[in-house]
Protein backbone atom coordinates (compact mmCIF):
# COMPACT_ATOMS: atom_id res chain seq x y z
CA UNK A 1 0.00 0.00 0.00
CA UNK A 2 1.32 3.41 -0.93
CA UNK A 3 1.21 5.69 2.05
CA UNK A 4 0.56 9.34 1.45
CA UNK A 5 0.53 11.86 4.26
CA UNK A 6 -2.91 13.22 4.95
CA UNK A 7 -3.38 16.16 7.22
CA UNK A 8 -6.79 16.70 8.77
CA UNK A 9 -7.40 19.67 11.01
CA UNK A 10 -10.01 19.13 13.72
CA UNK A 11 -11.46 21.51 16.20
CA UNK A 12 -10.62 20.72 19.80
CA UNK A 13 -14.04 19.27 20.66
CA UNK A 14 -13.96 16.88 17.68
CA UNK A 15 -10.35 15.89 18.45
CA UNK A 16 -11.32 14.99 22.03
CA UNK A 17 -14.33 12.96 20.81
CA UNK A 18 -12.09 11.17 18.32
CA UNK A 19 -9.47 10.37 20.94
CA UNK A 20 -12.17 9.08 23.31
CA UNK A 21 -13.70 6.85 20.63
CA UNK A 22 -10.27 5.51 19.63
CA UNK A 23 -9.39 4.73 23.25
CA UNK A 24 -12.73 2.94 23.72
CA UNK A 25 -11.91 0.79 20.69
CA UNK A 26 -8.36 0.17 22.02
CA UNK A 27 -6.88 1.73 18.88
CA UNK A 28 -4.59 4.61 18.16
CA UNK A 29 -6.33 7.68 16.78
CA UNK A 30 -4.79 7.00 13.36
CA UNK A 31 -5.89 3.34 13.32
CA UNK A 32 -9.37 4.33 14.46
CA UNK A 33 -9.71 6.94 11.71
CA UNK A 34 -8.61 4.35 9.14
CA UNK A 35 -11.26 1.91 10.38
CA UNK A 36 -13.97 4.59 10.27
CA UNK A 37 -13.00 5.54 6.72
CA UNK A 38 -12.94 1.90 5.58
CA UNK A 39 -16.38 1.31 7.09
CA UNK A 40 -17.81 4.40 5.39
CA UNK A 41 -16.48 3.67 1.90
CA UNK A 42 -18.38 1.23 -0.29
CA UNK A 43 -16.30 -1.71 -1.44
CA UNK A 44 -15.39 -1.72 -5.13
CA UNK A 45 -17.95 -3.36 -7.37
CA UNK A 46 -20.53 -3.99 -4.66
CA UNK A 47 -23.57 -1.74 -4.57
CA UNK A 48 -25.62 -3.79 -2.12
CA UNK A 49 -23.86 -2.67 1.03
CA UNK A 50 -25.62 -0.18 3.27
CA UNK A 51 -24.62 3.44 2.90
CA UNK A 52 -23.28 5.17 6.02
CA UNK A 53 -26.66 6.86 6.60
CA UNK A 54 -28.72 3.64 6.30
CA UNK A 55 -29.79 1.66 9.38
CA UNK A 56 -27.21 -0.66 10.88
CA UNK A 57 -26.36 -3.64 8.69
CA UNK A 58 -27.35 -6.86 10.53
CA UNK A 59 -24.72 -8.97 8.72
CA UNK A 60 -21.58 -10.03 10.54
CA UNK A 61 -18.24 -8.71 9.34
CA UNK A 62 -17.37 -12.23 8.15
CA UNK A 63 -20.58 -12.41 6.11
CA UNK A 64 -19.95 -8.99 4.56
CA UNK A 65 -16.36 -9.93 3.72
CA UNK A 66 -17.47 -13.21 2.15
CA UNK A 67 -20.17 -11.49 0.09
CA UNK A 68 -17.74 -8.82 -1.10
CA UNK A 69 -15.17 -11.47 -2.08
CA UNK A 70 -17.79 -13.49 -3.97
CA UNK A 71 -19.09 -10.38 -5.73
CA UNK A 72 -15.58 -9.46 -6.84
CA UNK A 73 -14.97 -13.03 -8.06
CA UNK A 74 -18.23 -12.93 -10.04
CA UNK A 75 -17.38 -9.52 -11.45
CA UNK A 76 -13.93 -10.72 -12.52
CA UNK A 77 -15.50 -13.78 -14.15
CA UNK A 78 -17.93 -11.57 -16.05
CA UNK A 79 -15.11 -9.25 -17.11
CA UNK A 80 -13.14 -12.29 -18.32
CA UNK A 81 -15.97 -14.08 -20.17
CA UNK A 82 -18.74 -11.54 -20.77
CA UNK A 83 -21.22 -14.26 -19.75
CA UNK A 84 -24.06 -13.24 -17.45
CA UNK A 85 -27.36 -14.77 -16.39
CA UNK A 86 -30.65 -12.86 -16.38
CA UNK A 87 -32.01 -12.48 -12.87
CA UNK A 88 -35.41 -13.82 -13.91
CA UNK A 89 -33.80 -17.08 -15.09
CA UNK A 90 -31.79 -17.49 -11.90
CA UNK A 91 -34.82 -16.81 -9.69
CA UNK A 92 -36.95 -19.24 -11.73
CA UNK A 93 -34.31 -21.96 -11.31
CA UNK A 94 -34.01 -21.31 -7.57
CA UNK A 95 -37.81 -21.45 -7.17
CA UNK A 96 -38.05 -24.70 -9.16
CA UNK A 97 -35.26 -26.26 -7.11
CA UNK A 98 -36.88 -25.16 -3.85
CA UNK A 99 -40.27 -26.51 -4.92
CA UNK A 100 -38.69 -29.85 -5.93
CA UNK A 101 -36.88 -30.13 -2.58
CA UNK A 102 -40.04 -29.32 -0.63
CA UNK A 103 -42.05 -31.81 -2.68
CA UNK A 104 -39.50 -34.56 -2.02
CA UNK A 105 -39.87 -34.04 1.76
CA UNK A 106 -43.68 -34.33 1.68
PDB file of N, CA and C in Angstrom:
ATOM      1  N   UNK A   1       0.844  -1.173   0.000  1.00  0.00           N
ATOM      2  CA  UNK A   1       0.000   0.000   0.000  1.00  0.00           C
ATOM      3  C   UNK A   1       0.892   1.239   0.000  1.00  0.00           C
ATOM      4  N   UNK A   2       0.572   2.157  -0.853  1.00  0.00           N
ATOM      5  CA  UNK A   2       1.316   3.411  -0.927  1.00  0.00           C
ATOM      6  C   UNK A   2       0.768   4.345   0.146  1.00  0.00           C
ATOM      7  N   UNK A   3       1.642   4.771   0.996  1.00  0.00           N
ATOM      8  CA  UNK A   3       1.211   5.685   2.049  1.00  0.00           C
ATOM      9  C   UNK A   3       1.464   7.111   1.614  1.00  0.00           C
ATOM     10  N   UNK A   4       0.437   7.920   1.751  1.00  0.00           N
ATOM     11  CA  UNK A   4       0.562   9.341   1.448  1.00  0.00           C
ATOM     12  C   UNK A   4       0.144  10.108   2.685  1.00  0.00           C
ATOM     13  N   UNK A   5       0.917  11.081   3.080  1.00  0.00           N
ATOM     14  CA  UNK A   5       0.533  11.861   4.259  1.00  0.00           C
ATOM     15  C   UNK A   5      -0.798  12.569   4.013  1.00  0.00           C
ATOM     16  N   UNK A   6      -1.626  12.539   5.017  1.00  0.00           N
ATOM     17  CA  UNK A   6      -2.908  13.215   4.948  1.00  0.00           C
ATOM     18  C   UNK A   6      -3.052  14.029   6.229  1.00  0.00           C
ATOM     19  N   UNK A   7      -3.261  15.292   6.061  1.00  0.00           N
ATOM     20  CA  UNK A   7      -3.384  16.161   7.224  1.00  0.00           C
ATOM     21  C   UNK A   7      -4.845  16.584   7.346  1.00  0.00           C
ATOM     22  N   UNK A   8      -5.411  16.319   8.499  1.00  0.00           N
ATOM     23  CA  UNK A   8      -6.793  16.703   8.771  1.00  0.00           C
ATOM     24  C   UNK A   8      -6.785  17.587  10.010  1.00  0.00           C
ATOM     25  N   UNK A   9      -7.334  18.763   9.871  1.00  0.00           N
ATOM     26  CA  UNK A   9      -7.397  19.671  11.014  1.00  0.00           C
ATOM     27  C   UNK A   9      -8.776  19.558  11.660  1.00  0.00           C
ATOM     28  N   UNK A  10      -8.761  19.283  12.957  1.00  0.00           N
ATOM     29  CA  UNK A  10     -10.007  19.130  13.717  1.00  0.00           C
ATOM     30  C   UNK A  10     -10.089  20.211  14.780  1.00  0.00           C
ATOM     31  N   UNK A  11     -11.314  20.606  15.064  1.00  0.00           N
ATOM     32  CA  UNK A  11     -11.461  21.512  16.198  1.00  0.00           C
ATOM     33  C   UNK A  11     -11.227  20.702  17.471  1.00  0.00           C
ATOM     34  N   UNK A  12     -11.007  21.399  18.562  1.00  0.00           N
ATOM     35  CA  UNK A  12     -10.625  20.722  19.803  1.00  0.00           C
ATOM     36  C   UNK A  12     -11.695  19.746  20.284  1.00  0.00           C
ATOM     37  N   UNK A  13     -12.945  20.135  20.198  1.00  0.00           N
ATOM     38  CA  UNK A  13     -14.043  19.267  20.657  1.00  0.00           C
ATOM     39  C   UNK A  13     -14.080  17.965  19.848  1.00  0.00           C
ATOM     40  N   UNK A  14     -13.943  18.076  18.530  1.00  0.00           N
ATOM     41  CA  UNK A  14     -13.958  16.884  17.685  1.00  0.00           C
ATOM     42  C   UNK A  14     -12.735  16.015  17.957  1.00  0.00           C
ATOM     43  N   UNK A  15     -11.579  16.640  18.162  1.00  0.00           N
ATOM     44  CA  UNK A  15     -10.353  15.894  18.448  1.00  0.00           C
ATOM     45  C   UNK A  15     -10.490  15.098  19.743  1.00  0.00           C
ATOM     46  N   UNK A  16     -11.114  15.691  20.748  1.00  0.00           N
ATOM     47  CA  UNK A  16     -11.324  14.993  22.027  1.00  0.00           C
ATOM     48  C   UNK A  16     -12.283  13.824  21.826  1.00  0.00           C
ATOM     49  N   UNK A  17     -13.361  14.047  21.095  1.00  0.00           N
ATOM     50  CA  UNK A  17     -14.327  12.965  20.815  1.00  0.00           C
ATOM     51  C   UNK A  17     -13.654  11.829  20.062  1.00  0.00           C
ATOM     52  N   UNK A  18     -12.806  12.174  19.103  1.00  0.00           N
ATOM     53  CA  UNK A  18     -12.095  11.171  18.322  1.00  0.00           C
ATOM     54  C   UNK A  18     -11.154  10.373  19.216  1.00  0.00           C
ATOM     55  N   UNK A  19     -10.400  11.054  20.041  1.00  0.00           N
ATOM     56  CA  UNK A  19      -9.467  10.366  20.944  1.00  0.00           C
ATOM     57  C   UNK A  19     -10.213   9.453  21.907  1.00  0.00           C
ATOM     58  N   UNK A  20     -11.364   9.895  22.392  1.00  0.00           N
ATOM     59  CA  UNK A  20     -12.174   9.081  23.308  1.00  0.00           C
ATOM     60  C   UNK A  20     -12.693   7.831  22.615  1.00  0.00           C
ATOM     61  N   UNK A  21     -13.189   7.989  21.385  1.00  0.00           N
ATOM     62  CA  UNK A  21     -13.702   6.849  20.628  1.00  0.00           C
ATOM     63  C   UNK A  21     -12.584   5.863  20.300  1.00  0.00           C
ATOM     64  N   UNK A  22     -11.415   6.373  19.943  1.00  0.00           N
ATOM     65  CA  UNK A  22     -10.272   5.510  19.632  1.00  0.00           C
ATOM     66  C   UNK A  22      -9.840   4.728  20.867  1.00  0.00           C
ATOM     67  N   UNK A  23      -9.785   5.401  22.005  1.00  0.00           N
ATOM     68  CA  UNK A  23      -9.394   4.731  23.249  1.00  0.00           C
ATOM     69  C   UNK A  23     -10.406   3.646  23.614  1.00  0.00           C
ATOM     70  N   UNK A  24     -11.693   3.932  23.416  1.00  0.00           N
ATOM     71  CA  UNK A  24     -12.734   2.945  23.724  1.00  0.00           C
ATOM     72  C   UNK A  24     -12.609   1.716  22.832  1.00  0.00           C
ATOM     73  N   UNK A  25     -12.105   1.911  21.623  1.00  0.00           N
ATOM     74  CA  UNK A  25     -11.912   0.794  20.690  1.00  0.00           C
ATOM     75  C   UNK A  25     -10.525   0.163  20.844  1.00  0.00           C
ATOM     76  N   UNK A  26      -9.731   0.643  21.791  1.00  0.00           N
ATOM     77  CA  UNK A  26      -8.361   0.167  22.025  1.00  0.00           C
ATOM     78  C   UNK A  26      -7.493   0.304  20.773  1.00  0.00           C
ATOM     79  N   UNK A  27      -7.658   1.440  20.088  1.00  0.00           N
ATOM     80  CA  UNK A  27      -6.883   1.725  18.884  1.00  0.00           C
ATOM     81  C   UNK A  27      -6.218   3.078  19.013  1.00  0.00           C
ATOM     82  N   UNK A  28      -5.164   3.270  18.239  1.00  0.00           N
ATOM     83  CA  UNK A  28      -4.594   4.609  18.161  1.00  0.00           C
ATOM     84  C   UNK A  28      -5.579   5.475  17.391  1.00  0.00           C
ATOM     85  N   UNK A  29      -5.436   6.774  17.503  1.00  0.00           N
ATOM     86  CA  UNK A  29      -6.327   7.680  16.779  1.00  0.00           C
ATOM     87  C   UNK A  29      -6.219   7.414  15.280  1.00  0.00           C
ATOM     88  N   UNK A  30      -5.003   7.232  14.789  1.00  0.00           N
ATOM     89  CA  UNK A  30      -4.792   6.996  13.359  1.00  0.00           C
ATOM     90  C   UNK A  30      -5.471   5.699  12.908  1.00  0.00           C
ATOM     91  N   UNK A  31      -5.278   4.628  13.678  1.00  0.00           N
ATOM     92  CA  UNK A  31      -5.889   3.340  13.319  1.00  0.00           C
ATOM     93  C   UNK A  31      -7.413   3.434  13.368  1.00  0.00           C
ATOM     94  N   UNK A  32      -7.928   4.169  14.347  1.00  0.00           N
ATOM     95  CA  UNK A  32      -9.375   4.327  14.464  1.00  0.00           C
ATOM     96  C   UNK A  32      -9.932   5.090  13.263  1.00  0.00           C
ATOM     97  N   UNK A  33      -9.259   6.154  12.865  1.00  0.00           N
ATOM     98  CA  UNK A  33      -9.712   6.936  11.708  1.00  0.00           C
ATOM     99  C   UNK A  33      -9.703   6.063  10.454  1.00  0.00           C
ATOM    100  N   UNK A  34      -8.671   5.249  10.296  1.00  0.00           N
ATOM    101  CA  UNK A  34      -8.606   4.351   9.137  1.00  0.00           C
ATOM    102  C   UNK A  34      -9.791   3.393   9.141  1.00  0.00           C
ATOM    103  N   UNK A  35     -10.131   2.831  10.301  1.00  0.00           N
ATOM    104  CA  UNK A  35     -11.264   1.906  10.383  1.00  0.00           C
ATOM    105  C   UNK A  35     -12.586   2.607  10.068  1.00  0.00           C
ATOM    106  N   UNK A  36     -12.748   3.828  10.546  1.00  0.00           N
ATOM    107  CA  UNK A  36     -13.971   4.589  10.266  1.00  0.00           C
ATOM    108  C   UNK A  36     -14.091   4.871   8.769  1.00  0.00           C
ATOM    109  N   UNK A  37     -12.987   5.251   8.158  1.00  0.00           N
ATOM    110  CA  UNK A  37     -13.003   5.539   6.716  1.00  0.00           C
ATOM    111  C   UNK A  37     -13.311   4.272   5.928  1.00  0.00           C
ATOM    112  N   UNK A  38     -12.669   3.157   6.277  1.00  0.00           N
ATOM    113  CA  UNK A  38     -12.938   1.898   5.580  1.00  0.00           C
ATOM    114  C   UNK A  38     -14.408   1.498   5.702  1.00  0.00           C
ATOM    115  N   UNK A  39     -14.981   1.682   6.879  1.00  0.00           N
ATOM    116  CA  UNK A  39     -16.384   1.307   7.093  1.00  0.00           C
ATOM    117  C   UNK A  39     -17.329   2.201   6.299  1.00  0.00           C
ATOM    118  N   UNK A  40     -16.938   3.450   6.081  1.00  0.00           N
ATOM    119  CA  UNK A  40     -17.811   4.398   5.390  1.00  0.00           C
ATOM    120  C   UNK A  40     -17.747   4.267   3.880  1.00  0.00           C
ATOM    121  N   UNK A  41     -16.640   3.771   3.358  1.00  0.00           N
ATOM    122  CA  UNK A  41     -16.480   3.673   1.905  1.00  0.00           C
ATOM    123  C   UNK A  41     -17.102   2.384   1.385  1.00  0.00           C
ATOM    124  N   UNK A  42     -17.835   2.468   0.277  1.00  0.00           N
ATOM    125  CA  UNK A  42     -18.377   1.231  -0.290  1.00  0.00           C
ATOM    126  C   UNK A  42     -17.257   0.420  -0.928  1.00  0.00           C
ATOM    127  N   UNK A  43     -17.324  -0.896  -0.807  1.00  0.00           N
ATOM    128  CA  UNK A  43     -16.296  -1.714  -1.442  1.00  0.00           C
ATOM    129  C   UNK A  43     -16.411  -1.625  -2.955  1.00  0.00           C
ATOM    130  N   UNK A  44     -15.324  -1.833  -3.670  1.00  0.00           N
ATOM    131  CA  UNK A  44     -15.388  -1.725  -5.130  1.00  0.00           C
ATOM    132  C   UNK A  44     -16.257  -2.811  -5.730  1.00  0.00           C
ATOM    133  N   UNK A  45     -17.150  -2.404  -6.631  1.00  0.00           N
ATOM    134  CA  UNK A  45     -17.954  -3.359  -7.368  1.00  0.00           C
ATOM    135  C   UNK A  45     -19.149  -3.910  -6.636  1.00  0.00           C
ATOM    136  N   UNK A  46     -19.416  -3.449  -5.431  1.00  0.00           N
ATOM    137  CA  UNK A  46     -20.534  -3.987  -4.660  1.00  0.00           C
ATOM    138  C   UNK A  46     -21.449  -2.843  -4.269  1.00  0.00           C
ATOM    139  N   UNK A  47     -22.640  -2.824  -4.833  1.00  0.00           N
ATOM    140  CA  UNK A  47     -23.566  -1.735  -4.569  1.00  0.00           C
ATOM    141  C   UNK A  47     -24.595  -2.102  -3.511  1.00  0.00           C
ATOM    142  N   UNK A  48     -24.580  -3.348  -3.044  1.00  0.00           N
ATOM    143  CA  UNK A  48     -25.618  -3.788  -2.123  1.00  0.00           C
ATOM    144  C   UNK A  48     -25.359  -3.417  -0.671  1.00  0.00           C
ATOM    145  N   UNK A  49     -24.162  -3.000  -0.359  1.00  0.00           N
ATOM    146  CA  UNK A  49     -23.858  -2.668   1.032  1.00  0.00           C
ATOM    147  C   UNK A  49     -24.593  -1.408   1.458  1.00  0.00           C
ATOM    148  N   UNK A  50     -24.910  -1.332   2.731  1.00  0.00           N
ATOM    149  CA  UNK A  50     -25.618  -0.178   3.267  1.00  0.00           C
ATOM    150  C   UNK A  50     -24.728   1.061   3.204  1.00  0.00           C
ATOM    151  N   UNK A  51     -25.334   2.163   2.880  1.00  0.00           N
ATOM    152  CA  UNK A  51     -24.624   3.437   2.903  1.00  0.00           C
ATOM    153  C   UNK A  51     -24.470   3.877   4.359  1.00  0.00           C
ATOM    154  N   UNK A  52     -23.517   4.766   4.634  1.00  0.00           N
ATOM    155  CA  UNK A  52     -23.284   5.166   6.024  1.00  0.00           C
ATOM    156  C   UNK A  52     -24.525   5.731   6.725  1.00  0.00           C
ATOM    157  N   UNK A  53     -25.486   6.275   5.978  1.00  0.00           N
ATOM    158  CA  UNK A  53     -26.661   6.858   6.605  1.00  0.00           C
ATOM    159  C   UNK A  53     -27.814   5.871   6.725  1.00  0.00           C
ATOM    160  N   UNK A  54     -27.676   4.655   6.194  1.00  0.00           N
ATOM    161  CA  UNK A  54     -28.718   3.641   6.302  1.00  0.00           C
ATOM    162  C   UNK A  54     -28.708   3.046   7.704  1.00  0.00           C
ATOM    163  N   UNK A  55     -29.781   2.335   8.074  1.00  0.00           N
ATOM    164  CA  UNK A  55     -29.789   1.661   9.378  1.00  0.00           C
ATOM    165  C   UNK A  55     -28.642   0.657   9.468  1.00  0.00           C
ATOM    166  N   UNK A  56     -28.325   0.261  10.657  1.00  0.00           N
ATOM    167  CA  UNK A  56     -27.211  -0.659  10.883  1.00  0.00           C
ATOM    168  C   UNK A  56     -27.405  -1.941  10.078  1.00  0.00           C
ATOM    169  N   UNK A  57     -26.334  -2.421   9.491  1.00  0.00           N
ATOM    170  CA  UNK A  57     -26.355  -3.639   8.693  1.00  0.00           C
ATOM    171  C   UNK A  57     -26.321  -4.832   9.645  1.00  0.00           C
ATOM    172  N   UNK A  58     -27.305  -5.744   9.579  1.00  0.00           N
ATOM    173  CA  UNK A  58     -27.348  -6.855  10.531  1.00  0.00           C
ATOM    174  C   UNK A  58     -26.336  -7.967  10.224  1.00  0.00           C
ATOM    175  N   UNK A  59     -25.661  -7.911   9.068  1.00  0.00           N
ATOM    176  CA  UNK A  59     -24.718  -8.972   8.719  1.00  0.00           C
ATOM    177  C   UNK A  59     -23.456  -8.879   9.570  1.00  0.00           C
ATOM    178  N   UNK A  60     -22.859 -10.026   9.817  1.00  0.00           N
ATOM    179  CA  UNK A  60     -21.583 -10.026  10.541  1.00  0.00           C
ATOM    180  C   UNK A  60     -20.490  -9.546   9.602  1.00  0.00           C
ATOM    181  N   UNK A  61     -19.368  -9.142  10.167  1.00  0.00           N
ATOM    182  CA  UNK A  61     -18.242  -8.707   9.337  1.00  0.00           C
ATOM    183  C   UNK A  61     -17.774  -9.849   8.437  1.00  0.00           C
ATOM    184  N   UNK A  62     -17.792 -11.078   8.966  1.00  0.00           N
ATOM    185  CA  UNK A  62     -17.367 -12.226   8.154  1.00  0.00           C
ATOM    186  C   UNK A  62     -18.303 -12.419   6.970  1.00  0.00           C
ATOM    187  N   UNK A  63     -19.608 -12.259   7.200  1.00  0.00           N
ATOM    188  CA  UNK A  63     -20.578 -12.410   6.108  1.00  0.00           C
ATOM    189  C   UNK A  63     -20.387 -11.319   5.065  1.00  0.00           C
ATOM    190  N   UNK A  64     -20.175 -10.081   5.509  1.00  0.00           N
ATOM    191  CA  UNK A  64     -19.950  -8.992   4.559  1.00  0.00           C
ATOM    192  C   UNK A  64     -18.684  -9.224   3.748  1.00  0.00           C
ATOM    193  N   UNK A  65     -17.617  -9.663   4.411  1.00  0.00           N
ATOM    194  CA  UNK A  65     -16.359  -9.929   3.718  1.00  0.00           C
ATOM    195  C   UNK A  65     -16.549 -11.029   2.682  1.00  0.00           C
ATOM    196  N   UNK A  66     -17.232 -12.110   3.074  1.00  0.00           N
ATOM    197  CA  UNK A  66     -17.471 -13.215   2.147  1.00  0.00           C
ATOM    198  C   UNK A  66     -18.282 -12.746   0.946  1.00  0.00           C
ATOM    199  N   UNK A  67     -19.336 -11.971   1.187  1.00  0.00           N
ATOM    200  CA  UNK A  67     -20.173 -11.493   0.085  1.00  0.00           C
ATOM    201  C   UNK A  67     -19.397 -10.555  -0.836  1.00  0.00           C
ATOM    202  N   UNK A  68     -18.568  -9.711  -0.274  1.00  0.00           N
ATOM    203  CA  UNK A  68     -17.735  -8.823  -1.103  1.00  0.00           C
ATOM    204  C   UNK A  68     -16.770  -9.628  -1.954  1.00  0.00           C
ATOM    205  N   UNK A  69     -16.115 -10.637  -1.334  1.00  0.00           N
ATOM    206  CA  UNK A  69     -15.171 -11.468  -2.080  1.00  0.00           C
ATOM    207  C   UNK A  69     -15.873 -12.190  -3.220  1.00  0.00           C
ATOM    208  N   UNK A  70     -17.054 -12.759  -2.937  1.00  0.00           N
ATOM    209  CA  UNK A  70     -17.789 -13.487  -3.970  1.00  0.00           C
ATOM    210  C   UNK A  70     -18.256 -12.554  -5.081  1.00  0.00           C
ATOM    211  N   UNK A  71     -18.662 -11.354  -4.718  1.00  0.00           N
ATOM    212  CA  UNK A  71     -19.089 -10.383  -5.731  1.00  0.00           C
ATOM    213  C   UNK A  71     -17.919  -9.996  -6.631  1.00  0.00           C
ATOM    214  N   UNK A  72     -16.751  -9.810  -6.039  1.00  0.00           N
ATOM    215  CA  UNK A  72     -15.576  -9.463  -6.839  1.00  0.00           C
ATOM    216  C   UNK A  72     -15.148 -10.627  -7.735  1.00  0.00           C
ATOM    217  N   UNK A  73     -15.281 -11.853  -7.237  1.00  0.00           N
ATOM    218  CA  UNK A  73     -14.974 -13.026  -8.058  1.00  0.00           C
ATOM    219  C   UNK A  73     -15.941 -13.102  -9.242  1.00  0.00           C
ATOM    220  N   UNK A  74     -17.233 -12.899  -8.971  1.00  0.00           N
ATOM    221  CA  UNK A  74     -18.232 -12.934 -10.036  1.00  0.00           C
ATOM    222  C   UNK A  74     -17.998 -11.816 -11.044  1.00  0.00           C
ATOM    223  N   UNK A  75     -17.652 -10.644 -10.558  1.00  0.00           N
ATOM    224  CA  UNK A  75     -17.380  -9.518 -11.450  1.00  0.00           C
ATOM    225  C   UNK A  75     -16.161  -9.801 -12.324  1.00  0.00           C
ATOM    226  N   UNK A  76     -15.126 -10.368 -11.745  1.00  0.00           N
ATOM    227  CA  UNK A  76     -13.930 -10.718 -12.521  1.00  0.00           C
ATOM    228  C   UNK A  76     -14.257 -11.776 -13.569  1.00  0.00           C
ATOM    229  N   UNK A  77     -15.094 -12.734 -13.201  1.00  0.00           N
ATOM    230  CA  UNK A  77     -15.498 -13.780 -14.154  1.00  0.00           C
ATOM    231  C   UNK A  77     -16.295 -13.165 -15.303  1.00  0.00           C
ATOM    232  N   UNK A  78     -17.178 -12.247 -14.995  1.00  0.00           N
ATOM    233  CA  UNK A  78     -17.934 -11.571 -16.047  1.00  0.00           C
ATOM    234  C   UNK A  78     -16.996 -10.753 -16.937  1.00  0.00           C
ATOM    235  N   UNK A  79     -16.069 -10.035 -16.326  1.00  0.00           N
ATOM    236  CA  UNK A  79     -15.111  -9.247 -17.112  1.00  0.00           C
ATOM    237  C   UNK A  79     -14.291 -10.155 -18.032  1.00  0.00           C
ATOM    238  N   UNK A  80     -13.965 -11.346 -17.542  1.00  0.00           N
ATOM    239  CA  UNK A  80     -13.144 -12.286 -18.322  1.00  0.00           C
ATOM    240  C   UNK A  80     -13.941 -12.917 -19.458  1.00  0.00           C
ATOM    241  N   UNK A  81     -15.204 -13.315 -19.188  1.00  0.00           N
ATOM    242  CA  UNK A  81     -15.967 -14.085 -20.169  1.00  0.00           C
ATOM    243  C   UNK A  81     -17.059 -13.293 -20.871  1.00  0.00           C
ATOM    244  N   UNK A  82     -17.603 -12.278 -20.207  1.00  0.00           N
ATOM    245  CA  UNK A  82     -18.738 -11.543 -20.765  1.00  0.00           C
ATOM    246  C   UNK A  82     -20.044 -12.296 -20.610  1.00  0.00           C
ATOM    247  N   UNK A  83     -20.023 -13.435 -19.924  1.00  0.00           N
ATOM    248  CA  UNK A  83     -21.223 -14.256 -19.747  1.00  0.00           C
ATOM    249  C   UNK A  83     -21.949 -13.826 -18.480  1.00  0.00           C
ATOM    250  N   UNK A  84     -23.247 -13.563 -18.614  1.00  0.00           N
ATOM    251  CA  UNK A  84     -24.061 -13.235 -17.450  1.00  0.00           C
ATOM    252  C   UNK A  84     -25.358 -14.031 -17.534  1.00  0.00           C
ATOM    253  N   UNK A  85     -26.103 -14.040 -16.452  1.00  0.00           N
ATOM    254  CA  UNK A  85     -27.358 -14.768 -16.393  1.00  0.00           C
ATOM    255  C   UNK A  85     -28.454 -13.802 -15.992  1.00  0.00           C
ATOM    256  N   UNK A  86     -29.556 -13.752 -16.757  1.00  0.00           N
ATOM    257  CA  UNK A  86     -30.655 -12.855 -16.383  1.00  0.00           C
ATOM    258  C   UNK A  86     -31.215 -13.233 -15.012  1.00  0.00           C
ATOM    259  N   UNK A  87     -31.501 -12.239 -14.215  1.00  0.00           N
ATOM    260  CA  UNK A  87     -32.013 -12.475 -12.865  1.00  0.00           C
ATOM    261  C   UNK A  87     -33.275 -13.318 -12.885  1.00  0.00           C
ATOM    262  N   UNK A  88     -34.153 -13.067 -13.834  1.00  0.00           N
ATOM    263  CA  UNK A  88     -35.408 -13.815 -13.914  1.00  0.00           C
ATOM    264  C   UNK A  88     -35.140 -15.311 -14.070  1.00  0.00           C
ATOM    265  N   UNK A  89     -34.132 -15.667 -14.886  1.00  0.00           N
ATOM    266  CA  UNK A  89     -33.804 -17.079 -15.085  1.00  0.00           C
ATOM    267  C   UNK A  89     -33.249 -17.702 -13.810  1.00  0.00           C
ATOM    268  N   UNK A  90     -32.379 -16.977 -13.138  1.00  0.00           N
ATOM    269  CA  UNK A  90     -31.789 -17.493 -11.898  1.00  0.00           C
ATOM    270  C   UNK A  90     -32.874 -17.682 -10.844  1.00  0.00           C
ATOM    271  N   UNK A  91     -33.749 -16.699 -10.686  1.00  0.00           N
ATOM    272  CA  UNK A  91     -34.819 -16.814  -9.685  1.00  0.00           C
ATOM    273  C   UNK A  91     -35.775 -17.952 -10.029  1.00  0.00           C
ATOM    274  N   UNK A  92     -36.078 -18.137 -11.321  1.00  0.00           N
ATOM    275  CA  UNK A  92     -36.945 -19.244 -11.735  1.00  0.00           C
ATOM    276  C   UNK A  92     -36.301 -20.571 -11.354  1.00  0.00           C
ATOM    277  N   UNK A  93     -35.004 -20.720 -11.630  1.00  0.00           N
ATOM    278  CA  UNK A  93     -34.309 -21.964 -11.307  1.00  0.00           C
ATOM    279  C   UNK A  93     -34.262 -22.212  -9.805  1.00  0.00           C
ATOM    280  N   UNK A  94     -34.035 -21.167  -9.030  1.00  0.00           N
ATOM    281  CA  UNK A  94     -34.015 -21.311  -7.567  1.00  0.00           C
ATOM    282  C   UNK A  94     -35.392 -21.738  -7.069  1.00  0.00           C
ATOM    283  N   UNK A  95     -36.441 -21.098  -7.586  1.00  0.00           N
ATOM    284  CA  UNK A  95     -37.807 -21.446  -7.172  1.00  0.00           C
ATOM    285  C   UNK A  95     -38.134 -22.897  -7.529  1.00  0.00           C
ATOM    286  N   UNK A  96     -37.788 -23.318  -8.743  1.00  0.00           N
ATOM    287  CA  UNK A  96     -38.050 -24.698  -9.159  1.00  0.00           C
ATOM    288  C   UNK A  96     -37.297 -25.695  -8.287  1.00  0.00           C
ATOM    289  N   UNK A  97     -36.044 -25.382  -7.973  1.00  0.00           N
ATOM    290  CA  UNK A  97     -35.255 -26.258  -7.114  1.00  0.00           C
ATOM    291  C   UNK A  97     -35.859 -26.335  -5.712  1.00  0.00           C
ATOM    292  N   UNK A  98     -36.278 -25.187  -5.182  1.00  0.00           N
ATOM    293  CA  UNK A  98     -36.883 -25.163  -3.851  1.00  0.00           C
ATOM    294  C   UNK A  98     -38.174 -25.967  -3.846  1.00  0.00           C
ATOM    295  N   UNK A  99     -38.999 -25.771  -4.846  1.00  0.00           N
ATOM    296  CA  UNK A  99     -40.266 -26.513  -4.919  1.00  0.00           C
ATOM    297  C   UNK A  99     -40.012 -28.021  -5.020  1.00  0.00           C
ATOM    298  N   UNK A 100     -39.015 -28.434  -5.790  1.00  0.00           N
ATOM    299  CA  UNK A 100     -38.691 -29.854  -5.925  1.00  0.00           C
ATOM    300  C   UNK A 100     -38.207 -30.425  -4.598  1.00  0.00           C
ATOM    301  N   UNK A 101     -37.383 -29.660  -3.881  1.00  0.00           N
ATOM    302  CA  UNK A 101     -36.878 -30.132  -2.582  1.00  0.00           C
ATOM    303  C   UNK A 101     -38.018 -30.247  -1.562  1.00  0.00           C
ATOM    304  N   UNK A 102     -38.901 -29.266  -1.552  1.00  0.00           N
ATOM    305  CA  UNK A 102     -40.037 -29.315  -0.630  1.00  0.00           C
ATOM    306  C   UNK A 102     -40.961 -30.467  -0.970  1.00  0.00           C
ATOM    307  N   UNK A 103     -41.185 -30.707  -2.258  1.00  0.00           N
ATOM    308  CA  UNK A 103     -42.053 -31.808  -2.679  1.00  0.00           C
ATOM    309  C   UNK A 103     -41.459 -33.166  -2.298  1.00  0.00           C
ATOM    310  N   UNK A 104     -40.137 -33.273  -2.342  1.00  0.00           N
ATOM    311  CA  UNK A 104     -39.497 -34.556  -2.016  1.00  0.00           C
ATOM    312  C   UNK A 104     -39.584 -34.859  -0.518  1.00  0.00           C
ATOM    313  N   UNK A 105     -39.769 -33.833   0.307  1.00  0.00           N
ATOM    314  CA  UNK A 105     -39.873 -34.037   1.759  1.00  0.00           C
ATOM    315  C   UNK A 105     -41.295 -34.385   2.185  1.00  0.00           C
ATOM    316  N   UNK A 106     -42.266 -34.101   1.317  1.00  0.00           N
ATOM    317  CA  UNK A 106     -43.676 -34.333   1.677  1.00  0.00           C
ATOM    318  C   UNK A 106     -44.051 -35.784   1.600  1.00  0.00           C
TER     319      UNK A 106
END
